[in-house]
Protein backbone atom coordinates (compact mmCIF):
# COMPACT_ATOMS: atom_id res chain seq x y z
CA GLN A 1 44.10 124.63 137.54
CA VAL A 2 42.12 127.87 137.50
CA GLN A 3 41.24 128.92 141.23
CA LEU A 4 38.75 131.68 142.15
CA VAL A 5 38.66 132.62 145.70
CA GLU A 6 35.82 135.05 146.81
CA SER A 7 36.19 137.23 150.12
CA GLY A 8 34.75 140.26 151.43
CA GLY A 9 31.22 139.07 152.47
CA GLY A 10 29.73 139.96 155.56
CA SER A 11 26.65 141.37 157.57
CA VAL A 12 25.55 144.86 156.91
CA GLN A 13 22.46 147.24 157.55
CA ALA A 14 20.20 148.12 154.64
CA GLY A 15 21.86 151.31 152.98
CA GLY A 16 25.14 150.08 153.86
CA SER A 17 28.15 148.86 151.46
CA LEU A 18 30.46 146.05 151.08
CA ARG A 19 33.22 145.12 148.51
CA LEU A 20 33.74 141.69 147.29
CA SER A 21 36.89 140.45 145.96
CA CYS A 22 37.69 137.36 143.81
CA ALA A 23 41.34 136.50 143.67
CA VAL A 24 42.23 134.31 140.19
CA SER A 25 45.00 131.89 139.94
CA GLY A 26 46.11 129.38 137.31
CA TYR A 27 45.92 131.44 134.20
CA THR A 28 46.68 134.91 132.92
CA TYR A 29 44.23 137.30 133.32
CA SER A 30 43.53 138.80 130.06
CA SER A 31 40.62 138.64 127.55
CA TYR A 32 37.95 136.53 129.78
CA CYS A 33 34.33 136.73 130.73
CA MET A 34 34.15 137.18 134.46
CA ALA A 35 31.20 137.41 136.33
CA TRP A 36 29.58 137.66 139.81
CA PHE A 37 26.37 135.68 140.51
CA ARG A 38 24.21 135.52 143.55
CA GLN A 39 21.80 132.75 145.07
CA ALA A 40 19.24 133.22 147.89
CA PRO A 41 18.06 130.36 149.67
CA GLY A 42 15.10 128.49 147.39
CA LYS A 43 16.01 130.80 144.54
CA GLU A 44 17.76 130.18 141.51
CA ARG A 45 21.43 131.51 140.53
CA GLU A 46 21.20 135.21 139.41
CA GLY A 47 23.77 136.76 137.29
CA VAL A 48 24.49 140.00 138.93
CA SER A 49 27.20 141.65 136.72
CA ALA A 50 30.14 140.60 134.27
CA ILE A 51 33.00 142.13 132.91
CA TRP A 52 34.84 141.45 129.73
CA THR A 53 38.70 141.66 130.95
CA GLY A 54 39.89 142.23 127.24
CA GLY A 55 38.18 145.50 127.10
CA GLY A 56 36.60 146.28 130.20
CA SER A 57 32.93 146.53 129.06
CA THR A 58 30.72 145.94 131.86
CA TYR A 59 27.15 144.37 132.33
CA TYR A 60 24.67 144.86 135.19
CA ALA A 61 21.29 143.27 136.13
CA ASP A 62 18.61 145.95 136.20
CA SER A 63 18.00 145.02 140.13
CA VAL A 64 21.82 146.30 140.81
CA LYS A 65 22.33 148.92 138.11
CA GLY A 66 23.37 152.25 139.80
CA ARG A 67 24.15 150.48 143.05
CA PHE A 68 26.73 147.69 142.20
CA THR A 69 30.05 148.49 140.41
CA ILE A 70 32.21 145.64 138.93
CA SER A 71 36.05 146.41 138.25
CA GLN A 72 39.27 144.47 137.53
CA ASP A 73 42.80 144.79 138.63
CA ASN A 74 44.99 143.02 136.13
CA ALA A 75 48.18 143.61 138.37
CA LYS A 76 46.58 141.90 141.22
CA ASN A 77 44.58 139.24 139.36
CA THR A 78 41.61 140.36 141.18
CA LEU A 79 37.94 140.93 140.29
CA TYR A 80 35.86 143.42 142.46
CA LEU A 81 32.36 143.89 142.98
CA GLN A 82 31.41 147.04 144.78
CA MET A 83 27.95 147.09 146.39
CA ASN A 84 26.63 150.40 147.62
CA SER A 85 23.05 151.12 149.10
CA LEU A 86 22.35 147.42 149.90
CA LYS A 87 19.15 146.20 150.37
CA PRO A 88 17.74 143.31 152.31
CA GLU A 89 16.86 141.63 149.15
CA ASP A 90 20.64 141.69 147.95
CA THR A 91 20.77 138.91 150.79
CA ALA A 92 22.42 136.04 149.13
CA MET A 93 25.59 133.65 148.58
CA TYR A 94 27.95 135.43 145.98
CA TYR A 95 29.78 133.63 143.39
CA CYS A 96 32.54 134.62 141.49
CA ALA A 97 32.64 132.96 137.81
CA ALA A 98 34.99 132.73 134.80
CA ASP A 99 35.35 131.47 131.40
CA LEU A 100 38.18 131.57 128.78
CA ASP A 101 35.95 132.13 126.07
CA SER A 102 34.59 135.77 125.95
CA SER A 103 32.63 135.86 122.76
CA TRP A 104 29.07 135.54 124.58
CA CYS A 105 29.92 137.60 127.21
CA TYR A 106 27.76 140.56 125.92
CA SER A 107 24.65 138.57 125.18
CA ASP A 108 24.83 135.67 127.83
CA TYR A 109 26.79 137.02 130.69
CA ALA A 110 23.84 136.08 132.90
CA LEU A 111 23.70 132.24 132.06
CA SER A 112 25.59 130.37 134.71
CA MET A 113 25.78 127.41 132.33
CA LYS A 114 28.48 129.37 130.32
CA TYR A 115 31.14 129.48 132.93
CA ASN A 116 33.45 126.66 133.54
CA PHE A 117 35.15 127.94 136.63
CA TRP A 118 33.54 128.89 140.06
CA GLY A 119 34.50 130.10 143.37
CA HIS A 120 32.93 128.69 146.58
CA GLY A 121 31.04 131.67 147.50
CA THR A 122 31.07 134.49 150.00
CA GLN A 123 27.98 135.09 152.06
CA VAL A 124 26.40 138.63 152.07
CA THR A 125 23.33 139.49 154.68
CA VAL A 126 21.46 142.74 154.82
CA SER A 127 19.38 143.42 157.54
CA SER A 128 16.57 145.93 157.60
């Protein structure tokens, strides 16, 4: 049974930083598409960033480029999202997602329907 457990959310002021973690269990952490999504109240779930764990290629939404960094630690089976220069509009529930098929990771990483496994989310609140 694949499980994804997020942690690291919290409340920060604008300009601050947070690092989210997603602990993965239930499968070998090799060549998969893994991503971070976020959803603010009343808005659709948005793909923030993704990584192809087999080669390390990364992808970012325009809204977070230059501020967020996705990374992986294969030894710890953990996915990270380093978030710097946070803005109030980054406030949302952040979810970790994964799928064992990485063939579409480059083109469709932001499509939530592509992912079979999801965490329960961690809340990020940025105040102005």
